[in-house]
Protein backbone atom coordinates (compact mmCIF):
# COMPACT_ATOMS: atom_id res chain seq x y z
CA MET A 1 0.02 0.06 0.06
CA GLU A 2 1.41 3.69 -1.24
CA ILE A 3 1.71 5.73 1.80
CA VAL A 4 0.54 9.25 0.58
CA ALA A 5 -0.71 12.15 2.09
CA PRO A 6 -3.92 14.10 0.04
CA PHE A 7 -3.18 16.45 -2.78
CA LYS A 8 -2.98 19.89 -1.00
CA GLU A 9 -1.66 18.26 2.16
CA VAL A 10 2.07 16.77 1.30
CA ILE A 11 2.09 20.32 -0.85
CA ASP A 12 1.69 22.11 2.65
CA GLU A 13 3.69 20.59 4.50
CA ILE A 14 6.77 20.63 2.40
CA LYS A 15 6.17 23.78 2.67
CA GLN A 16 5.96 24.06 6.04
CA TYR A 17 8.97 21.65 6.80
CA GLY A 18 11.06 24.08 4.71
CA GLY A 19 10.96 23.27 1.03
CA GLU A 20 8.94 26.65 0.33
CA ARG A 21 11.51 26.72 -2.82
CA VAL A 22 10.59 23.62 -4.77
CA LYS A 23 7.98 25.96 -6.78
CA TYR A 24 10.96 27.16 -8.57
CA CYS A 25 11.65 24.44 -10.18
CA TYR A 26 11.05 24.38 -13.76
CA GLN A 27 13.07 20.96 -14.83
CA CYS A 28 15.83 21.89 -16.52
CA GLY A 29 17.77 18.51 -15.57
CA LYS A 30 21.45 20.04 -14.22
CA CYS A 31 20.83 18.28 -10.92
CA ASP A 32 20.54 14.79 -12.11
CA ALA A 33 23.15 15.69 -14.38
CA VAL A 34 26.06 16.28 -11.16
CA CYS A 35 24.29 13.96 -8.74
CA PRO A 36 26.74 11.31 -7.64
CA TRP A 37 24.33 8.17 -7.68
CA ASN A 38 23.78 8.47 -11.10
CA ARG A 39 27.46 7.25 -11.21
CA VAL A 40 26.26 4.15 -9.34
CA ARG A 41 22.33 3.51 -10.46
CA VAL A 42 19.46 5.79 -12.18
CA PHE A 43 18.44 8.36 -9.81
CA SER A 44 16.24 11.44 -10.60
CA MET A 45 16.60 14.68 -7.98
CA ARG A 46 14.65 16.28 -10.94
CA ARG A 47 12.15 13.90 -10.71
CA LEU A 48 11.65 14.39 -6.74
CA ILE A 49 11.28 17.85 -6.98
CA ARG A 50 8.98 17.43 -9.49
CA ASP A 51 7.16 14.97 -7.51
CA ALA A 52 7.23 17.70 -4.32
CA VAL A 53 5.11 20.50 -6.29
CA PHE A 54 2.71 18.89 -7.70
CA GLY A 55 1.96 16.95 -4.20
CA LEU A 56 2.35 13.59 -5.30
CA THR A 57 5.88 12.42 -2.55
CA GLU A 58 5.75 8.94 -1.65
CA ILE A 59 7.75 9.08 1.64
CA GLU A 60 7.86 5.30 2.11
CA LYS A 61 9.63 5.32 -1.20
CA GLU A 62 13.76 5.34 -0.89
CA ASP A 63 14.69 7.79 -3.10
CA ILE A 64 13.89 10.20 -1.00
CA TRP A 65 16.82 8.95 1.47
CA ARG A 66 19.05 8.65 -0.77
CA CYS A 67 20.64 12.16 -0.94
CA THR A 68 23.91 12.42 0.36
CA THR A 69 23.46 16.37 0.93
CA CYS A 70 26.92 16.97 -0.51
CA GLY A 71 25.77 20.34 -2.73
CA ARG A 72 26.88 19.70 -6.20
CA CYS A 73 23.53 20.08 -7.30
CA VAL A 74 23.18 23.24 -5.17
CA LEU A 75 25.64 25.13 -6.56
CA LEU A 76 24.33 24.08 -10.43
CA CYS A 77 20.80 25.45 -9.57
CA PRO A 78 19.73 28.35 -11.97
CA ARG A 79 16.82 28.57 -9.96
CA ASP A 80 18.18 28.58 -6.21
CA VAL A 81 15.86 25.62 -5.67
CA ARG A 82 17.73 24.28 -2.57
CA GLN A 83 17.67 20.68 -3.32
CA ILE A 84 19.00 19.81 -0.12
CA ASP A 85 16.61 21.90 2.37
CA ASP A 86 13.31 20.69 0.06
CA ILE A 87 14.87 17.03 0.79
CA VAL A 88 15.39 17.47 4.21
CA ALA A 89 11.95 19.30 4.39
CA ILE A 90 10.19 15.93 3.01
CA ARG A 91 12.56 14.01 5.23
CA ARG A 92 11.08 15.80 8.36
CA MET A 93 7.67 14.97 6.74
CA ALA A 94 8.14 11.31 6.56
CA THR A 95 10.08 11.53 10.09
CA ALA A 96 6.81 12.91 11.58
CA TYR A 97 4.69 10.26 10.64
CA ASN A 98 7.18 7.48 11.50
CA VAL A 99 7.42 6.37 7.81
CA PHE A 100 10.58 4.54 7.05
CA PRO A 101 11.86 2.03 3.92
CA SER A 102 14.51 -1.14 5.16
CA SER A 103 17.33 0.23 4.63
CA THR A 104 16.81 3.32 6.86
CA LYS A 105 14.86 2.04 9.92
CA THR A 106 17.73 2.25 12.08
CA TYR A 107 17.33 6.07 11.97
CA ARG A 108 14.54 5.54 14.51
CA GLN A 109 16.91 3.42 17.06
CA ILE A 110 19.98 6.08 16.70
CA ALA A 111 17.22 9.14 17.55
CA THR A 112 16.50 7.04 20.79
CA TYR A 113 20.20 6.05 21.51
CA LEU A 114 21.31 9.92 21.10
CA ILE A 115 18.73 11.19 23.33
CA SER A 116 19.68 8.57 26.29
CA LYS A 117 23.36 7.97 25.70
CA GLY A 118 24.54 11.00 23.56
CA ASN A 119 26.23 9.12 20.54
CA PRO A 120 24.69 7.08 17.73
CA PHE A 121 26.52 3.55 19.05
CA ASN A 122 24.48 3.42 22.38
CA GLU A 123 27.79 3.00 24.12
CA ASP A 124 28.68 4.43 27.33
CA PRO A 125 29.56 8.21 27.72
CA LYS A 126 31.77 7.37 30.43
CA GLU A 127 33.77 5.53 27.69
CA ARG A 128 34.12 8.55 25.44
CA ALA A 129 37.02 9.80 26.55
CA LYS A 130 39.16 6.47 26.64
CA TRP A 131 40.86 6.94 23.39
CA ALA A 132 43.00 9.44 24.79
CA GLU A 133 44.26 6.69 28.04
CA GLY A 134 48.09 7.46 27.95
CA LEU A 135 47.96 10.70 26.39
CA ASN A 136 47.14 13.32 29.50
CA VAL A 137 44.65 14.45 28.29
CA LYS A 138 42.72 17.20 30.26
CA ILE A 139 39.09 18.01 30.96
CA PHE A 140 38.45 21.57 29.56
CA GLU A 141 38.83 24.48 32.44
CA GLU A 142 37.97 28.36 31.34
CA LYS A 143 41.12 29.22 31.00
CA MET A 144 42.41 26.86 28.62
CA GLU A 145 42.86 28.09 25.01
CA VAL A 146 41.14 26.20 22.71
CA LEU A 147 38.53 22.73 23.33
CA TYR A 148 38.96 20.16 21.56
CA PHE A 149 35.54 18.56 20.02
CA THR A 150 36.41 14.81 19.29
CA CYS A 151 33.25 13.93 17.20
CA CYS A 152 31.02 10.47 17.95
CA TYR A 153 32.91 8.47 15.43
CA MET A 154 36.51 9.38 16.89
CA CYS A 155 35.37 8.70 20.15
CA TYR A 156 34.38 4.94 19.78
CA ASP A 157 35.22 3.33 16.26
CA PRO A 158 38.10 2.07 16.32
CA ARG A 159 39.95 3.06 13.17
CA LEU A 160 39.01 6.54 13.92
CA ARG A 161 40.29 6.84 17.74
CA ASN A 162 43.87 6.98 16.11
CA VAL A 163 42.76 10.29 14.09
CA ALA A 164 41.87 11.41 17.61
CA ARG A 165 45.04 10.27 18.99
CA ALA A 166 47.15 12.27 16.55
CA THR A 167 45.12 15.34 16.70
CA VAL A 168 45.64 15.70 20.92
CA GLN A 169 49.28 14.36 20.21
CA LEU A 170 49.91 17.05 17.47
CA LEU A 171 48.19 19.62 20.06
CA GLN A 172 50.64 18.48 22.59
CA LYS A 173 53.96 19.09 20.43
CA ALA A 174 52.27 22.64 19.83
CA GLN A 175 52.44 23.38 23.09
CA VAL A 176 48.47 24.48 22.85
CA ASN A 177 46.29 24.51 26.18
CA PHE A 178 43.46 22.58 25.32
CA GLY A 179 41.08 20.31 26.75
CA ILE A 180 38.29 17.96 26.22
CA LEU A 181 35.17 17.43 27.16
CA GLY A 182 35.13 13.68 28.22
CA GLU A 183 31.58 12.57 29.08
CA ALA A 184 30.16 15.72 28.72
CA GLU A 185 30.34 15.84 25.05
CA SER A 186 27.53 14.53 23.24
CA CYS A 187 26.67 14.46 19.41
CA CYS A 188 26.27 17.92 17.52
CA GLY A 189 23.50 16.64 15.96
CA GLU A 190 24.50 16.90 12.07
CA SER A 191 23.70 13.65 10.75
CA ILE A 192 20.32 13.27 12.71
CA ARG A 193 19.54 16.70 11.21
CA LYS A 194 19.61 15.96 7.46
CA THR A 195 17.57 12.23 8.46
CA GLY A 196 14.80 14.88 9.26
CA ASN A 197 14.38 15.06 13.11
CA GLU A 198 14.62 18.10 13.65
CA GLU A 199 13.51 17.34 17.63
CA VAL A 200 16.55 15.79 18.58
CA PHE A 201 19.02 17.60 16.74
CA LYS A 202 17.13 21.09 18.89
CA LYS A 203 17.57 18.56 21.77
CA LEU A 204 21.42 18.16 21.61
CA ALA A 205 22.04 21.42 19.89
CA LYS A 206 20.29 23.34 22.98
CA GLU A 207 22.10 20.71 25.48
CA ASN A 208 25.35 20.98 23.67
CA LEU A 209 25.64 24.85 23.66
CA LYS A 210 24.57 24.95 27.29
CA LYS A 211 27.52 22.97 27.99
CA PHE A 212 29.91 25.49 26.76
CA ILE A 213 28.68 28.63 28.21
CA ASP A 214 28.84 26.40 31.57
CA PHE A 215 32.49 25.51 30.52
CA GLY A 216 33.34 28.83 29.30
CA VAL A 217 34.67 27.63 25.68
CA ARG A 218 35.14 30.46 23.46
CA LYS A 219 37.09 28.85 21.01
CA ILE A 220 36.16 24.74 19.05
CA VAL A 221 38.69 22.94 16.93
CA VAL A 222 37.04 20.01 15.86
CA SER A 223 38.04 17.52 13.49
CA SER A 224 35.12 16.54 11.57
CA PRO A 225 33.77 18.93 8.92
CA HIS A 226 30.05 18.00 9.57
CA CYS A 227 30.72 19.45 13.48
CA TYR A 228 32.61 22.38 11.87
CA TYR A 229 29.79 22.90 9.41
CA THR A 230 26.95 22.70 12.14
CA PHE A 231 28.76 24.94 14.53
CA LYS A 232 29.48 27.34 12.51
CA ASN A 233 26.15 27.75 10.53
CA GLU A 234 23.30 25.69 12.50
CA TYR A 235 24.20 26.44 15.83
CA PRO A 236 24.32 30.55 16.12
CA ASN A 237 20.72 30.38 15.31
CA PHE A 238 20.21 29.00 19.23
CA GLY A 239 22.23 31.79 20.82
CA ALA A 240 25.95 30.00 20.10
CA ASN A 241 29.02 32.61 20.10
CA PHE A 242 31.99 31.14 19.89
CA GLU A 243 34.85 30.30 16.78
CA VAL A 244 35.23 27.43 15.38
CA VAL A 245 37.91 26.04 13.49
CA HIS A 246 38.63 22.45 11.38
CA ILE A 247 41.75 21.12 12.52
CA SER A 248 43.23 21.70 9.11
CA GLU A 249 43.23 25.32 9.14
CA TYR A 250 44.53 24.99 12.96
CA LEU A 251 47.25 23.17 11.83
CA LYS A 252 48.27 25.58 9.27
CA GLU A 253 47.92 27.95 11.71
CA LEU A 254 50.01 26.11 13.87
CA ILE A 255 53.02 25.37 11.13
CA GLU A 256 53.09 28.93 9.99
CA SER A 257 53.70 30.46 13.46
CA LYS A 258 56.36 27.77 14.06
CA ARG A 259 54.44 26.53 16.96
CA LEU A 260 54.39 23.05 15.27
CA LYS A 261 57.35 22.48 13.24
CA LEU A 262 57.86 19.23 10.65
CA SER A 263 61.22 17.27 11.19
CA ARG A 264 60.60 14.51 9.11
CA ASP A 265 60.86 14.04 5.39
CA TYR A 266 58.31 11.91 3.46
CA VAL A 267 58.23 10.97 0.27
CA ALA A 268 55.32 9.71 -1.31
CA ASN A 269 52.58 10.50 -4.17
CA ILE A 270 49.60 11.65 -2.07
CA ALA A 271 46.47 12.54 -3.32
CA TYR A 272 44.20 14.47 -1.45
CA HIS A 273 40.06 14.18 -1.01
CA ASP A 274 37.83 17.26 -0.81
CA PRO A 275 35.09 16.28 1.80
CA CYS A 276 31.73 17.77 0.95
CA TYR A 277 31.39 19.62 4.23
CA LEU A 278 34.70 20.89 4.10
CA GLY A 279 34.94 21.87 0.92
CA ARG A 280 31.92 22.96 -0.92
CA HIS A 281 29.75 23.64 1.98
CA SER A 282 32.23 25.07 4.07
CA ASN A 283 34.82 26.68 1.22
CA ILE A 284 38.27 25.11 2.70
CA PHE A 285 40.03 23.90 -0.06
CA GLU A 286 43.84 25.27 0.05
CA LYS A 287 45.09 25.47 3.90
CA PRO A 288 44.42 21.42 3.75
CA ARG A 289 46.85 21.38 0.62
CA GLU A 290 49.00 23.98 1.71
CA VAL A 291 49.82 21.53 5.10
CA LEU A 292 50.63 19.06 2.70
CA ARG A 293 52.93 20.71 0.75
CA SER A 294 54.87 21.95 3.96
CA ILE A 295 55.84 18.61 4.16
CA ASN A 296 59.37 17.46 2.71
CA GLY A 297 59.47 14.96 -0.50
CA VAL A 298 55.53 15.02 -0.57
CA ASN A 299 54.40 14.71 -4.60
CA MET A 300 51.09 16.61 -4.34
CA LEU A 301 48.89 14.59 -6.83
CA GLU A 302 44.87 16.12 -7.87
CA LEU A 303 42.27 13.69 -7.94
CA PRO A 304 39.84 14.36 -11.54
CA GLU A 305 37.25 15.62 -9.61
CA ASN A 306 38.59 18.10 -6.87
CA ARG A 307 37.78 21.16 -4.89
CA LEU A 308 33.88 22.45 -5.84
CA ALA A 309 33.51 19.18 -8.15
CA SER A 310 34.36 16.64 -5.49
CA LEU A 311 32.92 13.84 -5.20
CA CYS A 312 31.07 12.87 -2.35
CA CYS A 313 31.94 10.05 -0.41
CA GLY A 314 28.65 8.47 0.03
CA MET A 315 28.68 9.42 4.00
CA GLY A 316 26.98 12.48 4.20
CA GLY A 317 23.15 13.37 4.89
CA GLY A 318 22.57 10.23 7.64
CA ARG A 319 23.69 7.83 5.23
CA VAL A 320 26.42 6.87 7.46
CA TRP A 321 23.91 5.27 8.82
CA ALA A 322 21.99 3.76 5.90
CA GLU A 323 22.98 0.31 4.35
CA THR A 324 24.83 1.15 0.92
CA GLU A 325 25.40 -2.12 -1.73
CA LYS A 326 28.86 -2.83 -2.02
CA HIS A 327 28.80 -1.51 -5.92
CA GLU A 328 26.68 1.54 -5.25
CA ARG A 329 29.66 2.97 -3.04
CA PHE A 330 31.08 6.53 -4.27
CA SER A 331 33.73 6.09 -2.70
CA ASN A 332 34.83 3.20 -4.95
CA ILE A 333 34.82 5.15 -7.54
CA ARG A 334 37.12 7.76 -5.39
CA VAL A 335 39.64 5.17 -4.32
CA GLU A 336 39.79 3.53 -8.17
CA ASP A 337 40.74 7.72 -8.94
CA ALA A 338 43.39 7.42 -6.67
CA VAL A 339 44.74 4.09 -7.76
CA LYS A 340 44.47 5.37 -11.16
CA LEU A 341 46.43 8.53 -10.53
CA GLY A 342 49.61 6.37 -9.01
CA ALA A 343 49.23 7.74 -5.83
CA MET A 344 50.56 5.83 -2.68
CA GLU A 345 48.19 7.80 0.00
CA LEU A 346 44.81 8.98 -0.31
CA VAL A 347 44.73 11.95 2.38
CA THR A 348 41.37 13.68 3.51
CA SER A 349 39.97 15.31 6.30
CA CYS A 350 36.72 13.85 7.66
CA PRO A 351 35.84 10.84 10.08
CA TYR A 352 32.86 9.75 7.47
CA CYS A 353 35.28 10.07 4.19
CA ILE A 354 38.11 8.10 6.29
CA THR A 355 35.39 5.11 6.92
CA ALA A 356 34.15 4.82 3.54
CA LEU A 357 37.58 5.16 1.82
CA GLU A 358 38.87 2.63 4.10
CA ASP A 359 35.74 0.27 3.22
CA SER A 360 36.43 0.74 -0.25
CA LYS A 361 39.63 -0.11 -0.09
CA LEU A 362 39.10 -3.61 1.54
CA ILE A 363 36.03 -4.14 -0.83
CA MET A 364 38.40 -3.30 -4.06
CA GLY A 365 41.23 -5.31 -2.55
CA TYR A 366 43.65 -2.20 -2.62
CA GLU A 367 45.09 -3.29 0.79
CA ASP A 368 48.29 -3.41 -0.69
CA LYS A 369 48.00 -0.53 -3.24
CA LEU A 370 46.71 1.85 -0.93
CA ARG A 371 46.76 3.89 2.23
CA ILE A 372 44.14 6.00 3.47
CA LYS A 373 45.09 8.48 6.24
CA ASP A 374 43.55 11.47 7.35
CA LEU A 375 45.67 14.78 7.24
CA ALA A 376 46.77 15.03 11.43
CA GLU A 377 47.82 11.17 10.93
CA LEU A 378 49.83 11.77 8.52
CA ILE A 379 51.69 15.23 10.10
CA ASN A 380 52.15 13.76 13.26
CA GLU A 381 54.53 11.38 11.47
CA VAL A 382 56.52 14.24 10.43
CA THR A 383 56.57 16.09 13.32
């Protein structure tokens, strides 16, 4: 049975949830031309927008959940339709009706985990700082220079804990007076908001903001571009007033100020992958590259699609929690690009991208041909 609301009701609800601009679409199809889904399967953002305009949206269908919010279509749209806002609006409507296809049913459970545990894994908050054991990392105090906000994945995921540890070691080498929130840290809420669950996002945002105020936080350094984007662009709507810096920016600053010294050569062909939420969404393209170029011996290679045209890893928009068929993962294309280019290492600066690229490397049998690294991991090796 199809779950379709009455004609006028669908249109009104989509507008109510933030999809007002669907009406500006004139069906040029530029969104479909650049959507990464069409590299791996047939998918039409144009059709989703058209269905919304005419009140024909079918909220139980898989397609409304495919968008990774990468932003390529938004940049090219001649009518400023703002496809991400429109798709998230439709997801809000589906979430309100508690309708999810099989591949996204985990979203309901994850929302519960975020409310009860502050992370999407149902892990004990008391274990959130376990990654920092043995590193002498302090709990943040108001007098400190910066707060390092770690991100759920880097706290609990075994592979990404290495990135968090490398980041902390770099801050210590640069003698930065910093701290973490430890078990008081909770998810920023970015991904759950993109799934359409506005209620859980607002709860997380307000709770986090209260903690930042109580701790006296003035400057936050983050490793995740998703945390960066959310703190910088969405938390101010709740009264946030603190500086947010991505680790790639901060590393550039520390190197230029001589607080962090690159003491070792590193001879390797390295390709850099632009994360969507660091690049297209936040316009940080050159600083990570400048950091890499500051390493003696590195031969920088550019992937075929880079900067504004960078290929999405497939994990944004809440897809990090969805089941994606192995042959439909965008990151497979990215890994293939790097290998064909002759890269020895594929470097990025996003926990979602690291996860996707590591998985694709294994799926494609490139364990011996390519290393996946976070920018912080590489810089930690040469300091």
